[in-house]
Amino acid sequence: MDFSFLPVYALLLFVVVGFGSLFGFLRIFWKDIKSEFKELKLELKSEIQKVRSEAKTENQSLRTEMV
């Protein structure tokens, strides 16, 4: 029985398993970053709405003072 092919198959197996774990880690990392960006986007939208409403009320108060 010739076992000279075993190192090649073992190397291929380790490469496949290594890339699988690397891509699995990157997938989890990407999901985490994506959810963080969604959360930041919602916070930014609410902050923009808050600033807009404050600017509108301030603008209205300035208009009433001018009249």
PDB file of N, CA and C in Angstrom:
ATOM      1  N   MET A   1       0.834  -1.185   0.000  1.00  0.00           N
ATOM      2  CA  MET A   1       0.000   0.000   0.000  1.00  0.00           C
ATOM      3  C   MET A   1       0.878   1.247   0.000  1.00  0.00           C
ATOM      4  N   ASP A   2       0.550   2.159  -0.885  1.00  0.00           N
ATOM      5  CA  ASP A   2       1.348   3.375  -1.033  1.00  0.00           C
ATOM      6  C   ASP A   2       0.622   4.537  -0.346  1.00  0.00           C
ATOM      7  N   PHE A   3       1.263   5.091   0.655  1.00  0.00           N
ATOM      8  CA  PHE A   3       0.669   6.206   1.400  1.00  0.00           C
ATOM      9  C   PHE A   3       1.322   7.545   1.066  1.00  0.00           C
ATOM     10  N   SER A   4       1.935   7.642  -0.077  1.00  0.00           N
ATOM     11  CA  SER A   4       2.624   8.885  -0.434  1.00  0.00           C
ATOM     12  C   SER A   4       1.637  10.011  -0.761  1.00  0.00           C
ATOM     13  N   PHE A   5       0.396   9.677  -1.040  1.00  0.00           N
ATOM     14  CA  PHE A   5      -0.608  10.692  -1.381  1.00  0.00           C
ATOM     15  C   PHE A   5      -1.238  11.322  -0.133  1.00  0.00           C
ATOM     16  N   LEU A   6      -1.035  10.727   1.032  1.00  0.00           N
ATOM     17  CA  LEU A   6      -1.668  11.220   2.256  1.00  0.00           C
ATOM     18  C   LEU A   6      -1.299  12.661   2.604  1.00  0.00           C
ATOM     19  N   PRO A   7      -0.030  13.074   2.513  1.00  0.00           N
ATOM     20  CA  PRO A   7       0.273  14.480   2.844  1.00  0.00           C
ATOM     21  C   PRO A   7      -0.458  15.475   1.946  1.00  0.00           C
ATOM     22  N   VAL A   8      -0.633  15.126   0.674  1.00  0.00           N
ATOM     23  CA  VAL A   8      -1.329  16.027  -0.244  1.00  0.00           C
ATOM     24  C   VAL A   8      -2.790  16.155   0.165  1.00  0.00           C
ATOM     25  N   TYR A   9      -3.439  15.031   0.455  1.00  0.00           N
ATOM     26  CA  TYR A   9      -4.837  15.073   0.867  1.00  0.00           C
ATOM     27  C   TYR A   9      -5.003  15.760   2.225  1.00  0.00           C
ATOM     28  N   ALA A  10      -4.059  15.527   3.113  1.00  0.00           N
ATOM     29  CA  ALA A  10      -4.124  16.193   4.419  1.00  0.00           C
ATOM     30  C   ALA A  10      -3.978  17.702   4.250  1.00  0.00           C
ATOM     31  N   LEU A  11      -3.065  18.117   3.379  1.00  0.00           N
ATOM     32  CA  LEU A  11      -2.887  19.545   3.116  1.00  0.00           C
ATOM     33  C   LEU A  11      -4.149  20.149   2.511  1.00  0.00           C
ATOM     34  N   LEU A  12      -4.744  19.466   1.545  1.00  0.00           N
ATOM     35  CA  LEU A  12      -5.986  19.955   0.938  1.00  0.00           C
ATOM     36  C   LEU A  12      -7.108  20.047   1.972  1.00  0.00           C
ATOM     37  N   LEU A  13      -7.193  19.053   2.837  1.00  0.00           N
ATOM     38  CA  LEU A  13      -8.209  19.065   3.879  1.00  0.00           C
ATOM     39  C   LEU A  13      -8.011  20.245   4.826  1.00  0.00           C
ATOM     40  N   PHE A  14      -6.767  20.480   5.239  1.00  0.00           N
ATOM     41  CA  PHE A  14      -6.489  21.604   6.130  1.00  0.00           C
ATOM     42  C   PHE A  14      -6.773  22.944   5.450  1.00  0.00           C
ATOM     43  N   VAL A  15      -6.484  23.052   4.163  1.00  0.00           N
ATOM     44  CA  VAL A  15      -6.762  24.289   3.428  1.00  0.00           C
ATOM     45  C   VAL A  15      -8.266  24.536   3.366  1.00  0.00           C
ATOM     46  N   VAL A  16      -9.033  23.497   3.049  1.00  0.00           N
ATOM     47  CA  VAL A  16     -10.489  23.646   2.960  1.00  0.00           C
ATOM     48  C   VAL A  16     -11.072  24.016   4.321  1.00  0.00           C
ATOM     49  N   VAL A  17     -10.640  23.331   5.363  1.00  0.00           N
ATOM     50  CA  VAL A  17     -11.147  23.621   6.706  1.00  0.00           C
ATOM     51  C   VAL A  17     -10.725  25.024   7.142  1.00  0.00           C
ATOM     52  N   GLY A  18      -9.499  25.408   6.825  1.00  0.00           N
ATOM     53  CA  GLY A  18      -9.016  26.745   7.182  1.00  0.00           C
ATOM     54  C   GLY A  18      -9.807  27.844   6.504  1.00  0.00           C
ATOM     55  N   PHE A  19     -10.031  27.691   5.200  1.00  0.00           N
ATOM     56  CA  PHE A  19     -10.813  28.700   4.487  1.00  0.00           C
ATOM     57  C   PHE A  19     -12.261  28.718   4.966  1.00  0.00           C
ATOM     58  N   GLY A  20     -12.791  27.557   5.283  1.00  0.00           N
ATOM     59  CA  GLY A  20     -14.162  27.501   5.799  1.00  0.00           C
ATOM     60  C   GLY A  20     -14.296  28.251   7.104  1.00  0.00           C
ATOM     61  N   SER A  21     -13.335  28.059   8.015  1.00  0.00           N
ATOM     62  CA  SER A  21     -13.420  28.790   9.279  1.00  0.00           C
ATOM     63  C   SER A  21     -13.168  30.271   9.098  1.00  0.00           C
ATOM     64  N   LEU A  22     -12.273  30.625   8.175  1.00  0.00           N
ATOM     65  CA  LEU A  22     -12.010  32.042   7.911  1.00  0.00           C
ATOM     66  C   LEU A  22     -13.255  32.727   7.362  1.00  0.00           C
ATOM     67  N   PHE A  23     -13.894  32.112   6.379  1.00  0.00           N
ATOM     68  CA  PHE A  23     -15.092  32.717   5.805  1.00  0.00           C
ATOM     69  C   PHE A  23     -16.253  32.708   6.798  1.00  0.00           C
ATOM     70  N   GLY A  24     -16.317  31.705   7.647  1.00  0.00           N
ATOM     71  CA  GLY A  24     -17.337  31.693   8.693  1.00  0.00           C
ATOM     72  C   GLY A  24     -17.151  32.849   9.660  1.00  0.00           C
ATOM     73  N   PHE A  25     -15.899  33.084  10.048  1.00  0.00           N
ATOM     74  CA  PHE A  25     -15.604  34.216  10.933  1.00  0.00           C
ATOM     75  C   PHE A  25     -15.937  35.537  10.255  1.00  0.00           C
ATOM     76  N   LEU A  26     -15.556  35.682   8.984  1.00  0.00           N
ATOM     77  CA  LEU A  26     -15.836  36.925   8.265  1.00  0.00           C
ATOM     78  C   LEU A  26     -17.335  37.145   8.102  1.00  0.00           C
ATOM     79  N   ARG A  27     -18.088  36.083   7.917  1.00  0.00           N
ATOM     80  CA  ARG A  27     -19.540  36.198   7.788  1.00  0.00           C
ATOM     81  C   ARG A  27     -20.157  36.710   9.086  1.00  0.00           C
ATOM     82  N   ILE A  28     -19.720  36.153  10.208  1.00  0.00           N
ATOM     83  CA  ILE A  28     -20.217  36.603  11.510  1.00  0.00           C
ATOM     84  C   ILE A  28     -19.807  38.050  11.759  1.00  0.00           C
ATOM     85  N   PHE A  29     -18.561  38.377  11.435  1.00  0.00           N
ATOM     86  CA  PHE A  29     -18.049  39.739  11.605  1.00  0.00           C
ATOM     87  C   PHE A  29     -18.856  40.712  10.754  1.00  0.00           C
ATOM     88  N   TRP A  30     -19.149  40.345   9.503  1.00  0.00           N
ATOM     89  CA  TRP A  30     -19.911  41.210   8.603  1.00  0.00           C
ATOM     90  C   TRP A  30     -21.333  41.430   9.124  1.00  0.00           C
ATOM     91  N   LYS A  31     -21.968  40.373   9.639  1.00  0.00           N
ATOM     92  CA  LYS A  31     -23.319  40.518  10.194  1.00  0.00           C
ATOM     93  C   LYS A  31     -23.312  41.488  11.371  1.00  0.00           C
ATOM     94  N   ASP A  32     -22.299  41.384  12.225  1.00  0.00           N
ATOM     95  CA  ASP A  32     -22.192  42.260  13.388  1.00  0.00           C
ATOM     96  C   ASP A  32     -22.018  43.709  12.954  1.00  0.00           C
ATOM     97  N   ILE A  33     -21.131  43.943  11.997  1.00  0.00           N
ATOM     98  CA  ILE A  33     -20.901  45.306  11.515  1.00  0.00           C
ATOM     99  C   ILE A  33     -22.153  45.850  10.839  1.00  0.00           C
ATOM    100  N   LYS A  34     -22.832  45.010  10.081  1.00  0.00           N
ATOM    101  CA  LYS A  34     -24.046  45.440   9.387  1.00  0.00           C
ATOM    102  C   LYS A  34     -25.121  45.866  10.386  1.00  0.00           C
ATOM    103  N   SER A  35     -25.288  45.112  11.464  1.00  0.00           N
ATOM    104  CA  SER A  35     -26.290  45.483  12.467  1.00  0.00           C
ATOM    105  C   SER A  35     -25.891  46.768  13.190  1.00  0.00           C
ATOM    106  N   GLU A  36     -24.595  46.955  13.425  1.00  0.00           N
ATOM    107  CA  GLU A  36     -24.127  48.200  14.050  1.00  0.00           C
ATOM    108  C   GLU A  36     -24.426  49.396  13.155  1.00  0.00           C
ATOM    109  N   PHE A  37     -24.184  49.244  11.851  1.00  0.00           N
ATOM    110  CA  PHE A  37     -24.458  50.336  10.923  1.00  0.00           C
ATOM    111  C   PHE A  37     -25.950  50.647  10.856  1.00  0.00           C
ATOM    112  N   LYS A  38     -26.800  49.625  10.915  1.00  0.00           N
ATOM    113  CA  LYS A  38     -28.244  49.863  10.927  1.00  0.00           C
ATOM    114  C   LYS A  38     -28.642  50.668  12.159  1.00  0.00           C
ATOM    115  N   GLU A  39     -28.080  50.288  13.303  1.00  0.00           N
ATOM    116  CA  GLU A  39     -28.382  50.990  14.543  1.00  0.00           C
ATOM    117  C   GLU A  39     -27.912  52.443  14.475  1.00  0.00           C
ATOM    118  N   LEU A  40     -26.703  52.657  13.978  1.00  0.00           N
ATOM    119  CA  LEU A  40     -26.187  54.017  13.848  1.00  0.00           C
ATOM    120  C   LEU A  40     -27.013  54.840  12.868  1.00  0.00           C
ATOM    121  N   LYS A  41     -27.471  54.206  11.806  1.00  0.00           N
ATOM    122  CA  LYS A  41     -28.299  54.897  10.817  1.00  0.00           C
ATOM    123  C   LYS A  41     -29.603  55.368  11.450  1.00  0.00           C
ATOM    124  N   LEU A  42     -30.237  54.501  12.248  1.00  0.00           N
ATOM    125  CA  LEU A  42     -31.477  54.884  12.920  1.00  0.00           C
ATOM    126  C   LEU A  42     -31.247  56.014  13.917  1.00  0.00           C
ATOM    127  N   GLU A  43     -30.143  55.944  14.662  1.00  0.00           N
ATOM    128  CA  GLU A  43     -29.818  57.009  15.609  1.00  0.00           C
ATOM    129  C   GLU A  43     -29.593  58.330  14.880  1.00  0.00           C
ATOM    130  N   LEU A  44     -28.894  58.270  13.769  1.00  0.00           N
ATOM    131  CA  LEU A  44     -28.616  59.477  12.999  1.00  0.00           C
ATOM    132  C   LEU A  44     -29.897  60.075  12.431  1.00  0.00           C
ATOM    133  N   LYS A  45     -30.790  59.224  11.932  1.00  0.00           N
ATOM    134  CA  LYS A  45     -32.067  59.721  11.412  1.00  0.00           C
ATOM    135  C   LYS A  45     -32.872  60.407  12.506  1.00  0.00           C
ATOM    136  N   SER A  46     -32.926  59.805  13.687  1.00  0.00           N
ATOM    137  CA  SER A  46     -33.691  60.420  14.778  1.00  0.00           C
ATOM    138  C   SER A  46     -33.047  61.729  15.221  1.00  0.00           C
ATOM    139  N   GLU A  47     -31.729  61.780  15.225  1.00  0.00           N
ATOM    140  CA  GLU A  47     -31.026  63.015  15.594  1.00  0.00           C
ATOM    141  C   GLU A  47     -31.289  64.116  14.563  1.00  0.00           C
ATOM    142  N   ILE A  48     -31.304  63.754  13.294  1.00  0.00           N
ATOM    143  CA  ILE A  48     -31.590  64.731  12.238  1.00  0.00           C
ATOM    144  C   ILE A  48     -33.010  65.258  12.381  1.00  0.00           C
ATOM    145  N   GLN A  49     -33.967  64.383  12.656  1.00  0.00           N
ATOM    146  CA  GLN A  49     -35.354  64.824  12.848  1.00  0.00           C
ATOM    147  C   GLN A  49     -35.469  65.760  14.045  1.00  0.00           C
ATOM    148  N   LYS A  50     -34.736  65.444  15.101  1.00  0.00           N
ATOM    149  CA  LYS A  50     -34.758  66.283  16.296  1.00  0.00           C
ATOM    150  C   LYS A  50     -34.207  67.670  15.982  1.00  0.00           C
ATOM    151  N   VAL A  51     -33.091  67.731  15.279  1.00  0.00           N
ATOM    152  CA  VAL A  51     -32.483  69.017  14.927  1.00  0.00           C
ATOM    153  C   VAL A  51     -33.401  69.801  13.995  1.00  0.00           C
ATOM    154  N   ARG A  52     -34.041  69.125  13.058  1.00  0.00           N
ATOM    155  CA  ARG A  52     -34.969  69.806  12.149  1.00  0.00           C
ATOM    156  C   ARG A  52     -36.141  70.418  12.907  1.00  0.00           C
ATOM    157  N   SER A  53     -36.708  69.656  13.827  1.00  0.00           N
ATOM    158  CA  SER A  53     -37.852  70.185  14.584  1.00  0.00           C
ATOM    159  C   SER A  53     -37.424  71.361  15.461  1.00  0.00           C
ATOM    160  N   GLU A  54     -36.230  71.268  16.063  1.00  0.00           N
ATOM    161  CA  GLU A  54     -35.722  72.386  16.861  1.00  0.00           C
ATOM    162  C   GLU A  54     -35.498  73.615  15.989  1.00  0.00           C
ATOM    163  N   ALA A  55     -34.970  73.409  14.792  1.00  0.00           N
ATOM    164  CA  ALA A  55     -34.734  74.529  13.881  1.00  0.00           C
ATOM    165  C   ALA A  55     -36.053  75.154  13.446  1.00  0.00           C
ATOM    166  N   LYS A  56     -37.061  74.335  13.206  1.00  0.00           N
ATOM    167  CA  LYS A  56     -38.373  74.872  12.815  1.00  0.00           C
ATOM    168  C   LYS A  56     -38.979  75.715  13.929  1.00  0.00           C
ATOM    169  N   THR A  57     -38.935  75.211  15.155  1.00  0.00           N
ATOM    170  CA  THR A  57     -39.509  75.978  16.269  1.00  0.00           C
ATOM    171  C   THR A  57     -38.731  77.265  16.496  1.00  0.00           C
ATOM    172  N   GLU A  58     -37.415  77.190  16.372  1.00  0.00           N
ATOM    173  CA  GLU A  58     -36.596  78.395  16.537  1.00  0.00           C
ATOM    174  C   GLU A  58     -36.885  79.401  15.428  1.00  0.00           C
ATOM    175  N   ASN A  59     -37.055  78.910  14.211  1.00  0.00           N
ATOM    176  CA  ASN A  59     -37.372  79.772  13.085  1.00  0.00           C
ATOM    177  C   ASN A  59     -38.731  80.441  13.289  1.00  0.00           C
ATOM    178  N   GLN A  60     -39.698  79.686  13.774  1.00  0.00           N
ATOM    179  CA  GLN A  60     -41.028  80.249  14.022  1.00  0.00           C
ATOM    180  C   GLN A  60     -40.990  81.299  15.128  1.00  0.00           C
ATOM    181  N   SER A  61     -40.219  81.041  16.166  1.00  0.00           N
ATOM    182  CA  SER A  61     -40.131  82.021  17.252  1.00  0.00           C
ATOM    183  C   SER A  61     -39.438  83.295  16.780  1.00  0.00           C
ATOM    184  N   LEU A  62     -38.432  83.170  15.922  1.00  0.00           N
ATOM    185  CA  LEU A  62     -37.775  84.355  15.371  1.00  0.00           C
ATOM    186  C   LEU A  62     -38.727  85.139  14.477  1.00  0.00           C
ATOM    187  N   ARG A  63     -39.556  84.446  13.721  1.00  0.00           N
ATOM    188  CA  ARG A  63     -40.527  85.129  12.862  1.00  0.00           C
ATOM    189  C   ARG A  63     -41.547  85.902  13.695  1.00  0.00           C
ATOM    190  N   THR A  64     -41.995  85.301  14.795  1.00  0.00           N
ATOM    191  CA  THR A  64     -42.976  85.996  15.638  1.00  0.00           C
ATOM    192  C   THR A  64     -42.346  87.207  16.318  1.00  0.00           C
ATOM    193  N   GLU A  65     -41.073  87.125  16.654  1.00  0.00           N
ATOM    194  CA  GLU A  65     -40.386  88.269  17.254  1.00  0.00           C
ATOM    195  C   GLU A  65     -40.217  89.403  16.248  1.00  0.00           C
ATOM    196  N   MET A  66     -39.999  89.069  14.974  1.00  0.00           N
ATOM    197  CA  MET A  66     -39.801  90.084  13.938  1.00  0.00           C
ATOM    198  C   MET A  66     -41.097  90.828  13.646  1.00  0.00           C
ATOM    199  N   VAL A  67     -42.222  90.141  13.790  1.00  0.00           N
ATOM    200  CA  VAL A  67     -43.523  90.759  13.460  1.00  0.00           C
ATOM    201  C   VAL A  67     -43.998  91.559  14.609  1.00  0.00           C
TER     202      VAL A  67
END
